[in-house]
Amino acid sequence: RTFLITQNVDDLHLRAEAGKKLPRYKLLP
């Protein structure tokens, strides 16, 4: 599992993962 916590309010992590299937991943802004 990968949990990505970001302090940033931009959406660059979200855009980087666009179109990819990441079932074991969660982004927490």
PDB file of all heavy atoms in Angstrom:
ATOM      1  N   ARG A   1       0.837  -1.197   0.000  1.00  0.00           N
ATOM      2  CA  ARG A   1       0.000   0.000   0.000  1.00  0.00           C
ATOM      3  C   ARG A   1       0.874   1.250   0.000  1.00  0.00           C
ATOM      4  O   ARG A   1       1.922   1.298   0.646  1.00  0.00           O
ATOM      5  CB  ARG A   1      -0.904   0.020   1.225  1.00  0.00           C
ATOM      6  CG  ARG A   1      -1.880  -1.141   1.315  1.00  0.00           C
ATOM      7  CD  ARG A   1      -2.734  -1.027   2.566  1.00  0.00           C
ATOM      8  NE  ARG A   1      -1.925  -1.014   3.788  1.00  0.00           N
ATOM      9  CZ  ARG A   1      -2.403  -0.737   5.002  1.00  0.00           C
ATOM     10  NH1 ARG A   1      -3.679  -0.429   5.154  1.00  0.00           N
ATOM     11  NH2 ARG A   1      -1.617  -0.771   6.063  1.00  0.00           N
ATOM     12  N   THR A   2       0.406   2.284  -0.699  1.00  0.00           N
ATOM     13  CA  THR A   2       1.091   3.575  -0.718  1.00  0.00           C
ATOM     14  C   THR A   2       0.103   4.663  -0.335  1.00  0.00           C
ATOM     15  O   THR A   2      -0.953   4.801  -0.951  1.00  0.00           O
ATOM     16  CB  THR A   2       1.661   3.894  -2.119  1.00  0.00           C
ATOM     17  OG1 THR A   2       2.499   2.816  -2.545  1.00  0.00           O
ATOM     18  CG2 THR A   2       2.482   5.179  -2.081  1.00  0.00           C
ATOM     19  N   PHE A   3       0.449   5.411   0.699  1.00  0.00           N
ATOM     20  CA  PHE A   3      -0.359   6.556   1.128  1.00  0.00           C
ATOM     21  C   PHE A   3       0.468   7.818   0.902  1.00  0.00           C
ATOM     22  O   PHE A   3       1.569   7.943   1.437  1.00  0.00           O
ATOM     23  CB  PHE A   3      -0.749   6.444   2.598  1.00  0.00           C
ATOM     24  CG  PHE A   3      -1.751   5.367   2.862  1.00  0.00           C
ATOM     25  CD1 PHE A   3      -1.340   4.056   3.067  1.00  0.00           C
ATOM     26  CD2 PHE A   3      -3.113   5.648   2.879  1.00  0.00           C
ATOM     27  CE1 PHE A   3      -2.262   3.048   3.291  1.00  0.00           C
ATOM     28  CE2 PHE A   3      -4.040   4.652   3.105  1.00  0.00           C
ATOM     29  CZ  PHE A   3      -3.614   3.345   3.313  1.00  0.00           C
ATOM     30  N   LEU A   4      -0.060   8.737   0.088  1.00  0.00           N
ATOM     31  CA  LEU A   4       0.642   9.974  -0.204  1.00  0.00           C
ATOM     32  C   LEU A   4      -0.096  11.130   0.474  1.00  0.00           C
ATOM     33  O   LEU A   4      -1.208  11.481   0.087  1.00  0.00           O
ATOM     34  CB  LEU A   4       0.743  10.200  -1.713  1.00  0.00           C
ATOM     35  CG  LEU A   4       1.847  11.164  -2.181  1.00  0.00           C
ATOM     36  CD1 LEU A   4       2.109  10.998  -3.677  1.00  0.00           C
ATOM     37  CD2 LEU A   4       1.518  12.616  -1.890  1.00  0.00           C
ATOM     38  N   ILE A   5       0.520  11.688   1.508  1.00  0.00           N
ATOM     39  CA  ILE A   5      -0.028  12.846   2.217  1.00  0.00           C
ATOM     40  C   ILE A   5       0.645  14.087   1.648  1.00  0.00           C
ATOM     41  O   ILE A   5       1.877  14.163   1.627  1.00  0.00           O
ATOM     42  CB  ILE A   5       0.288  12.765   3.725  1.00  0.00           C
ATOM     43  CG1 ILE A   5      -0.133  11.420   4.311  1.00  0.00           C
ATOM     44  CG2 ILE A   5      -0.357  13.920   4.473  1.00  0.00           C
ATOM     45  CD1 ILE A   5       0.550  11.103   5.633  1.00  0.00           C
ATOM     46  N   THR A   6      -0.124  15.040   1.184  1.00  0.00           N
ATOM     47  CA  THR A   6       0.499  16.264   0.690  1.00  0.00           C
ATOM     48  C   THR A   6       0.011  17.478   1.473  1.00  0.00           C
ATOM     49  O   THR A   6      -1.171  17.601   1.784  1.00  0.00           O
ATOM     50  CB  THR A   6       0.266  16.470  -0.822  1.00  0.00           C
ATOM     51  OG1 THR A   6       1.012  17.624  -1.254  1.00  0.00           O
ATOM     52  CG2 THR A   6      -1.203  16.652  -1.167  1.00  0.00           C
ATOM     53  N   GLN A   7       0.975  18.345   1.787  1.00  0.00           N
ATOM     54  CA  GLN A   7       0.653  19.630   2.400  1.00  0.00           C
ATOM     55  C   GLN A   7       0.266  20.651   1.340  1.00  0.00           C
ATOM     56  O   GLN A   7      -0.212  21.737   1.662  1.00  0.00           O
ATOM     57  CB  GLN A   7       1.859  20.161   3.176  1.00  0.00           C
ATOM     58  CG  GLN A   7       2.314  19.273   4.308  1.00  0.00           C
ATOM     59  CD  GLN A   7       3.553  19.822   4.962  1.00  0.00           C
ATOM     60  OE1 GLN A   7       3.489  20.682   5.836  1.00  0.00           O
ATOM     61  NE2 GLN A   7       4.714  19.332   4.544  1.00  0.00           N
ATOM     62  N   ASN A   8       0.513  20.315   0.074  1.00  0.00           N
ATOM     63  CA  ASN A   8       0.276  21.250  -1.017  1.00  0.00           C
ATOM     64  C   ASN A   8      -1.204  21.299  -1.385  1.00  0.00           C
ATOM     65  O   ASN A   8      -1.905  20.287  -1.321  1.00  0.00           O
ATOM     66  CB  ASN A   8       1.084  20.846  -2.250  1.00  0.00           C
ATOM     67  CG  ASN A   8       2.573  20.809  -1.954  1.00  0.00           C
ATOM     68  OD1 ASN A   8       3.048  21.492  -1.046  1.00  0.00           O
ATOM     69  ND2 ASN A   8       3.312  20.017  -2.700  1.00  0.00           N
ATOM     70  N   VAL A   9      -1.649  22.478  -1.795  1.00  0.00           N
ATOM     71  CA  VAL A   9      -3.041  22.629  -2.211  1.00  0.00           C
ATOM     72  C   VAL A   9      -3.182  22.574  -3.729  1.00  0.00           C
ATOM     73  O   VAL A   9      -4.296  22.667  -4.247  1.00  0.00           O
ATOM     74  CB  VAL A   9      -3.656  23.934  -1.655  1.00  0.00           C
ATOM     75  CG1 VAL A   9      -3.701  23.894  -0.141  1.00  0.00           C
ATOM     76  CG2 VAL A   9      -2.894  25.174  -2.140  1.00  0.00           C
ATOM     77  N   ASP A  10      -2.067  22.427  -4.442  1.00  0.00           N
ATOM     78  CA  ASP A  10      -2.150  22.256  -5.894  1.00  0.00           C
ATOM     79  C   ASP A  10      -2.650  20.847  -6.202  1.00  0.00           C
ATOM     80  O   ASP A  10      -2.780  19.997  -5.318  1.00  0.00           O
ATOM     81  CB  ASP A  10      -0.797  22.531  -6.553  1.00  0.00           C
ATOM     82  CG  ASP A  10       0.298  21.548  -6.123  1.00  0.00           C
ATOM     83  OD1 ASP A  10       0.112  20.335  -6.323  1.00  0.00           O
ATOM     84  OD2 ASP A  10       1.334  21.995  -5.584  1.00  0.00           O
ATOM     85  N   ASP A  11      -2.949  20.601  -7.474  1.00  0.00           N
ATOM     86  CA  ASP A  11      -3.475  19.292  -7.875  1.00  0.00           C
ATOM     87  C   ASP A  11      -2.488  18.510  -8.727  1.00  0.00           C
ATOM     88  O   ASP A  11      -2.882  17.649  -9.517  1.00  0.00           O
ATOM     89  CB  ASP A  11      -4.797  19.462  -8.636  1.00  0.00           C
ATOM     90  CG  ASP A  11      -4.621  20.221  -9.952  1.00  0.00           C
ATOM     91  OD1 ASP A  11      -3.562  20.848 -10.153  1.00  0.00           O
ATOM     92  OD2 ASP A  11      -5.559  20.208 -10.775  1.00  0.00           O
ATOM     93  N   LEU A  12      -1.193  18.768  -8.565  1.00  0.00           N
ATOM     94  CA  LEU A  12      -0.195  18.149  -9.434  1.00  0.00           C
ATOM     95  C   LEU A  12      -0.053  16.651  -9.174  1.00  0.00           C
ATOM     96  O   LEU A  12       0.181  15.876 -10.104  1.00  0.00           O
ATOM     97  CB  LEU A  12       1.150  18.864  -9.285  1.00  0.00           C
ATOM     98  CG  LEU A  12       1.125  20.349  -9.692  1.00  0.00           C
ATOM     99  CD1 LEU A  12       2.530  20.946  -9.648  1.00  0.00           C
ATOM    100  CD2 LEU A  12       0.508  20.548 -11.079  1.00  0.00           C
ATOM    101  N   HIS A  13      -0.188  16.211  -7.927  1.00  0.00           N
ATOM    102  CA  HIS A  13      -0.189  14.768  -7.668  1.00  0.00           C
ATOM    103  C   HIS A  13      -1.390  14.111  -8.343  1.00  0.00           C
ATOM    104  O   HIS A  13      -1.270  13.041  -8.942  1.00  0.00           O
ATOM    105  CB  HIS A  13      -0.254  14.493  -6.165  1.00  0.00           C
ATOM    106  CG  HIS A  13       1.028  14.733  -5.435  1.00  0.00           C
ATOM    107  ND1 HIS A  13       2.209  14.099  -5.764  1.00  0.00           N
ATOM    108  CD2 HIS A  13       1.319  15.541  -4.364  1.00  0.00           C
ATOM    109  CE1 HIS A  13       3.168  14.491  -4.936  1.00  0.00           C
ATOM    110  NE2 HIS A  13       2.644  15.370  -4.091  1.00  0.00           N
ATOM    111  N   LEU A  14      -2.534  14.757  -8.246  1.00  0.00           N
ATOM    112  CA  LEU A  14      -3.753  14.216  -8.843  1.00  0.00           C
ATOM    113  C   LEU A  14      -3.615  14.110 -10.353  1.00  0.00           C
ATOM    114  O   LEU A  14      -4.001  13.102 -10.964  1.00  0.00           O
ATOM    115  CB  LEU A  14      -4.940  15.108  -8.480  1.00  0.00           C
ATOM    116  CG  LEU A  14      -6.337  14.573  -8.777  1.00  0.00           C
ATOM    117  CD1 LEU A  14      -6.611  13.307  -7.983  1.00  0.00           C
ATOM    118  CD2 LEU A  14      -7.379  15.640  -8.477  1.00  0.00           C
ATOM    119  N   ARG A  15      -3.044  15.130 -10.973  1.00  0.00           N
ATOM    120  CA  ARG A  15      -2.864  15.103 -12.421  1.00  0.00           C
ATOM    121  C   ARG A  15      -1.813  14.077 -12.846  1.00  0.00           C
ATOM    122  O   ARG A  15      -1.900  13.490 -13.927  1.00  0.00           O
ATOM    123  CB  ARG A  15      -2.502  16.492 -12.934  1.00  0.00           C
ATOM    124  CG  ARG A  15      -3.711  17.404 -13.051  1.00  0.00           C
ATOM    125  CD  ARG A  15      -3.375  18.617 -13.868  1.00  0.00           C
ATOM    126  NE  ARG A  15      -3.039  19.756 -13.044  1.00  0.00           N
ATOM    127  CZ  ARG A  15      -2.384  20.824 -13.477  1.00  0.00           C
ATOM    128  NH1 ARG A  15      -1.971  20.886 -14.726  1.00  0.00           N
ATOM    129  NH2 ARG A  15      -2.138  21.839 -12.667  1.00  0.00           N
ATOM    130  N   ALA A  16      -0.820  13.859 -11.999  1.00  0.00           N
ATOM    131  CA  ALA A  16       0.223  12.879 -12.321  1.00  0.00           C
ATOM    132  C   ALA A  16      -0.331  11.462 -12.381  1.00  0.00           C
ATOM    133  O   ALA A  16       0.183  10.617 -13.114  1.00  0.00           O
ATOM    134  CB  ALA A  16       1.351  12.953 -11.293  1.00  0.00           C
ATOM    135  N   GLU A  17      -1.384  11.200 -11.616  1.00  0.00           N
ATOM    136  CA  GLU A  17      -1.948   9.850 -11.579  1.00  0.00           C
ATOM    137  C   GLU A  17      -3.108   9.674 -12.540  1.00  0.00           C
ATOM    138  O   GLU A  17      -3.707   8.589 -12.610  1.00  0.00           O
ATOM    139  CB  GLU A  17      -2.415   9.520 -10.160  1.00  0.00           C
ATOM    140  CG  GLU A  17      -3.595  10.352  -9.693  1.00  0.00           C
ATOM    141  CD  GLU A  17      -3.886  10.197  -8.210  1.00  0.00           C
ATOM    142  OE1 GLU A  17      -2.993  10.510  -7.418  1.00  0.00           O
ATOM    143  OE2 GLU A  17      -5.012   9.783  -7.872  1.00  0.00           O
ATOM    144  N   ALA A  18      -3.461  10.712 -13.299  1.00  0.00           N
ATOM    145  CA  ALA A  18      -4.631  10.665 -14.181  1.00  0.00           C
ATOM    146  C   ALA A  18      -4.545   9.498 -15.159  1.00  0.00           C
ATOM    147  O   ALA A  18      -3.525   9.293 -15.819  1.00  0.00           O
ATOM    148  CB  ALA A  18      -4.764  11.976 -14.945  1.00  0.00           C
ATOM    149  N   GLY A  19      -5.629   8.735 -15.236  1.00  0.00           N
ATOM    150  CA  GLY A  19      -5.707   7.641 -16.200  1.00  0.00           C
ATOM    151  C   GLY A  19      -5.042   6.353 -15.764  1.00  0.00           C
ATOM    152  O   GLY A  19      -5.101   5.353 -16.486  1.00  0.00           O
ATOM    153  N   LYS A  20      -4.418   6.341 -14.588  1.00  0.00           N
ATOM    154  CA  LYS A  20      -3.726   5.139 -14.128  1.00  0.00           C
ATOM    155  C   LYS A  20      -4.565   4.424 -13.070  1.00  0.00           C
ATOM    156  O   LYS A  20      -5.189   5.059 -12.231  1.00  0.00           O
ATOM    157  CB  LYS A  20      -2.349   5.502 -13.560  1.00  0.00           C
ATOM    158  CG  LYS A  20      -1.404   6.089 -14.603  1.00  0.00           C
ATOM    159  CD  LYS A  20      -0.055   6.394 -13.987  1.00  0.00           C
ATOM    160  CE  LYS A  20       0.938   6.839 -15.068  1.00  0.00           C
ATOM    161  NZ  LYS A  20       0.543   8.085 -15.702  1.00  0.00           N
ATOM    162  N   LYS A  21      -4.561   3.118 -13.116  1.00  0.00           N
ATOM    163  CA  LYS A  21      -5.256   2.328 -12.112  1.00  0.00           C
ATOM    164  C   LYS A  21      -4.306   2.078 -10.946  1.00  0.00           C
ATOM    165  O   LYS A  21      -3.268   1.429 -11.110  1.00  0.00           O
ATOM    166  CB  LYS A  21      -5.728   1.011 -12.719  1.00  0.00           C
ATOM    167  CG  LYS A  21      -6.802   1.182 -13.787  1.00  0.00           C
ATOM    168  CD  LYS A  21      -7.280  -0.159 -14.327  1.00  0.00           C
ATOM    169  CE  LYS A  21      -8.365   0.045 -15.374  1.00  0.00           C
ATOM    170  NZ  LYS A  21      -8.848  -1.255 -15.927  1.00  0.00           N
ATOM    171  N   LEU A  22      -4.687   2.601  -9.781  1.00  0.00           N
ATOM    172  CA  LEU A  22      -3.818   2.513  -8.600  1.00  0.00           C
ATOM    173  C   LEU A  22      -4.646   1.993  -7.418  1.00  0.00           C
ATOM    174  O   LEU A  22      -4.995   2.733  -6.505  1.00  0.00           O
ATOM    175  CB  LEU A  22      -3.229   3.898  -8.277  1.00  0.00           C
ATOM    176  CG  LEU A  22      -2.507   4.609  -9.440  1.00  0.00           C
ATOM    177  CD1 LEU A  22      -2.178   6.046  -9.059  1.00  0.00           C
ATOM    178  CD2 LEU A  22      -1.230   3.853  -9.804  1.00  0.00           C
ATOM    179  N   PRO A  23      -4.952   0.706  -7.398  1.00  0.00           N
ATOM    180  CA  PRO A  23      -5.870   0.165  -6.387  1.00  0.00           C
ATOM    181  C   PRO A  23      -5.308   0.162  -4.967  1.00  0.00           C
ATOM    182  O   PRO A  23      -6.073   0.101  -3.999  1.00  0.00           O
ATOM    183  CB  PRO A  23      -6.135  -1.256  -6.879  1.00  0.00           C
ATOM    184  CG  PRO A  23      -4.933  -1.600  -7.707  1.00  0.00           C
ATOM    185  CD  PRO A  23      -4.528  -0.325  -8.365  1.00  0.00           C
ATOM    186  N   ARG A  24      -4.000   0.210  -4.808  1.00  0.00           N
ATOM    187  CA  ARG A  24      -3.398   0.140  -3.468  1.00  0.00           C
ATOM    188  C   ARG A  24      -2.831   1.490  -3.034  1.00  0.00           C
ATOM    189  O   ARG A  24      -1.926   1.555  -2.212  1.00  0.00           O
ATOM    190  CB  ARG A  24      -2.300  -0.932  -3.450  1.00  0.00           C
ATOM    191  CG  ARG A  24      -2.808  -2.332  -3.792  1.00  0.00           C
ATOM    192  CD  ARG A  24      -1.693  -3.358  -3.830  1.00  0.00           C
ATOM    193  NE  ARG A  24      -0.665  -3.011  -4.810  1.00  0.00           N
ATOM    194  CZ  ARG A  24      -0.761  -3.248  -6.118  1.00  0.00           C
ATOM    195  NH1 ARG A  24      -1.840  -3.824  -6.607  1.00  0.00           N
ATOM    196  NH2 ARG A  24       0.226  -2.905  -6.928  1.00  0.00           N
ATOM    197  N   TYR A  25      -3.392   2.571  -3.598  1.00  0.00           N
ATOM    198  CA  TYR A  25      -2.843   3.910  -3.387  1.00  0.00           C
ATOM    199  C   TYR A  25      -3.939   4.861  -2.934  1.00  0.00           C
ATOM    200  O   TYR A  25      -5.079   4.771  -3.373  1.00  0.00           O
ATOM    201  CB  TYR A  25      -2.244   4.407  -4.702  1.00  0.00           C
ATOM    202  CG  TYR A  25      -1.951   5.884  -4.796  1.00  0.00           C
ATOM    203  CD1 TYR A  25      -0.776   6.419  -4.273  1.00  0.00           C
ATOM    204  CD2 TYR A  25      -2.837   6.744  -5.445  1.00  0.00           C
ATOM    205  CE1 TYR A  25      -0.500   7.771  -4.383  1.00  0.00           C
ATOM    206  CE2 TYR A  25      -2.563   8.098  -5.562  1.00  0.00           C
ATOM    207  CZ  TYR A  25      -1.396   8.606  -5.025  1.00  0.00           C
ATOM    208  OH  TYR A  25      -1.125   9.946  -5.145  1.00  0.00           O
ATOM    209  N   LYS A  26      -3.588   5.778  -2.021  1.00  0.00           N
ATOM    210  CA  LYS A  26      -4.542   6.803  -1.602  1.00  0.00           C
ATOM    211  C   LYS A  26      -3.814   8.134  -1.445  1.00  0.00           C
ATOM    212  O   LYS A  26      -2.759   8.206  -0.812  1.00  0.00           O
ATOM    213  CB  LYS A  26      -5.214   6.416  -0.284  1.00  0.00           C
ATOM    214  CG  LYS A  26      -6.400   7.323   0.072  1.00  0.00           C
ATOM    215  CD  LYS A  26      -7.197   6.756   1.211  1.00  0.00           C
ATOM    216  CE  LYS A  26      -8.446   7.586   1.496  1.00  0.00           C
ATOM    217  NZ  LYS A  26      -9.397   7.612   0.380  1.00  0.00           N
ATOM    218  N   LEU A  27      -4.401   9.191  -2.013  1.00  0.00           N
ATOM    219  CA  LEU A  27      -3.869  10.547  -1.913  1.00  0.00           C
ATOM    220  C   LEU A  27      -4.662  11.314  -0.869  1.00  0.00           C
ATOM    221  O   LEU A  27      -5.897  11.348  -0.922  1.00  0.00           O
ATOM    222  CB  LEU A  27      -3.958  11.249  -3.268  1.00  0.00           C
ATOM    223  CG  LEU A  27      -3.590  12.743  -3.301  1.00  0.00           C
ATOM    224  CD1 LEU A  27      -2.120  12.950  -2.950  1.00  0.00           C
ATOM    225  CD2 LEU A  27      -3.898  13.333  -4.681  1.00  0.00           C
ATOM    226  N   LEU A  28      -3.955  11.953   0.068  1.00  0.00           N
ATOM    227  CA  LEU A  28      -4.595  12.681   1.156  1.00  0.00           C
ATOM    228  C   LEU A  28      -4.102  14.129   1.164  1.00  0.00           C
ATOM    229  O   LEU A  28      -3.044  14.435   1.724  1.00  0.00           O
ATOM    230  CB  LEU A  28      -4.275  12.015   2.501  1.00  0.00           C
ATOM    231  CG  LEU A  28      -4.655  10.535   2.627  1.00  0.00           C
ATOM    232  CD1 LEU A  28      -4.086   9.951   3.904  1.00  0.00           C
ATOM    233  CD2 LEU A  28      -6.165  10.372   2.590  1.00  0.00           C
ATOM    234  N   PRO A  29      -4.851  15.063   0.548  1.00  0.00           N
ATOM    235  CA  PRO A  29      -4.476  16.484   0.574  1.00  0.00           C
ATOM    236  C   PRO A  29      -4.880  17.114   1.912  1.00  0.00           C
ATOM    237  O   PRO A  29      -5.964  17.670   2.050  1.00  0.00           O
ATOM    238  CB  PRO A  29      -5.234  17.075  -0.613  1.00  0.00           C
ATOM    239  CG  PRO A  29      -6.399  16.169  -0.813  1.00  0.00           C
ATOM    240  CD  PRO A  29      -6.024  14.812  -0.309  1.00  0.00           C
TER     241      PRO A  29
END
